Amino acid sequence: MKDKIITRNFCCIFLALFFVSNIMYMLMSTMSEYTTALGASPMGAGMGTGI
């Protein structure tokens, strides 16, 4: 008998990682605005966001 891939644990872990990655990308897009408001150059803000 084959083991099921889509289990309750799989769905919970998938949803948790999905939300964490979404939050990371949302924060990355606002970080450059925040750093330029603090006085960083646009190039420095872009480099900091990309790294």
C-alpha atoms as a PDB file:
ATOM      1  CA  MET A   1       0.000   0.000   0.000  1.00  0.00           C
ATOM      2  CA  LYS A   2       1.328   3.424  -0.938  1.00  0.00           C
ATOM      3  CA  ASP A   3       1.714   6.142   1.640  1.00  0.00           C
ATOM      4  CA  LYS A   4      -0.293   9.292   1.060  1.00  0.00           C
ATOM      5  CA  ILE A   5       1.675  12.421   0.271  1.00  0.00           C
ATOM      6  CA  ILE A   6      -1.074  14.912   1.085  1.00  0.00           C
ATOM      7  CA  THR A   7      -1.540  14.467   4.810  1.00  0.00           C
ATOM      8  CA  ARG A   8      -2.638  16.819   7.559  1.00  0.00           C
ATOM      9  CA  ASN A   9       0.988  17.465   8.572  1.00  0.00           C
ATOM     10  CA  PHE A  10       1.962  18.211   4.986  1.00  0.00           C
ATOM     11  CA  CYS A  11      -0.867  20.732   4.613  1.00  0.00           C
ATOM     12  CA  CYS A  12      -0.036  22.454   7.911  1.00  0.00           C
ATOM     13  CA  ILE A  13       3.656  22.745   7.082  1.00  0.00           C
ATOM     14  CA  PHE A  14       2.910  23.923   3.539  1.00  0.00           C
ATOM     15  CA  LEU A  15       0.540  26.654   4.752  1.00  0.00           C
ATOM     16  CA  ALA A  16       2.968  27.799   7.443  1.00  0.00           C
ATOM     17  CA  LEU A  17       5.844  28.091   4.963  1.00  0.00           C
ATOM     18  CA  PHE A  18       3.574  29.784   2.421  1.00  0.00           C
ATOM     19  CA  PHE A  19       2.577  32.498   4.905  1.00  0.00           C
ATOM     20  CA  VAL A  20       6.132  32.975   6.138  1.00  0.00           C
ATOM     21  CA  SER A  21       7.452  33.432   2.594  1.00  0.00           C
ATOM     22  CA  ASN A  22       4.645  35.859   1.740  1.00  0.00           C
ATOM     23  CA  ILE A  23       5.424  37.963   4.800  1.00  0.00           C
ATOM     24  CA  MET A  24       9.132  37.941   3.925  1.00  0.00           C
ATOM     25  CA  TYR A  25       8.471  39.233   0.405  1.00  0.00           C
ATOM     26  CA  MET A  26       6.053  41.883   1.698  1.00  0.00           C
ATOM     27  CA  LEU A  27       8.624  43.121   4.192  1.00  0.00           C
ATOM     28  CA  MET A  28      11.368  43.132   1.558  1.00  0.00           C
ATOM     29  CA  SER A  29       9.364  45.469  -0.649  1.00  0.00           C
ATOM     30  CA  THR A  30       8.750  47.948   2.189  1.00  0.00           C
ATOM     31  CA  MET A  31      12.278  47.809   3.599  1.00  0.00           C
ATOM     32  CA  SER A  32      13.699  49.986   0.833  1.00  0.00           C
ATOM     33  CA  GLU A  33      11.128  52.714   1.536  1.00  0.00           C
ATOM     34  CA  TYR A  34      11.952  52.546   5.231  1.00  0.00           C
ATOM     35  CA  THR A  35      15.707  52.797   4.699  1.00  0.00           C
ATOM     36  CA  THR A  36      15.390  55.748   2.319  1.00  0.00           C
ATOM     37  CA  ALA A  37      13.215  57.495   4.936  1.00  0.00           C
ATOM     38  CA  LEU A  38      16.059  57.000   7.409  1.00  0.00           C
ATOM     39  CA  GLY A  39      18.451  58.758   5.020  1.00  0.00           C
ATOM     40  CA  ALA A  40      19.999  55.989   2.943  1.00  0.00           C
ATOM     41  CA  SER A  41      20.601  56.514  -0.750  1.00  0.00           C
ATOM     42  CA  PRO A  42      18.280  54.703  -3.156  1.00  0.00           C
ATOM     43  CA  MET A  43      21.197  52.578  -4.345  1.00  0.00           C
ATOM     44  CA  GLY A  44      22.088  51.584  -0.785  1.00  0.00           C
ATOM     45  CA  ALA A  45      18.470  50.814   0.012  1.00  0.00           C
ATOM     46  CA  GLY A  46      18.196  48.594  -3.059  1.00  0.00           C
ATOM     47  CA  MET A  47      21.419  46.797  -2.223  1.00  0.00           C
ATOM     48  CA  GLY A  48      20.290  46.238   1.364  1.00  0.00           C
ATOM     49  CA  THR A  49      16.945  44.917   0.250  1.00  0.00           C
ATOM     50  CA  GLY A  50      18.453  42.601  -2.356  1.00  0.00           C
ATOM     51  CA  ILE A  51      20.972  41.104   0.017  1.00  0.00           C
END
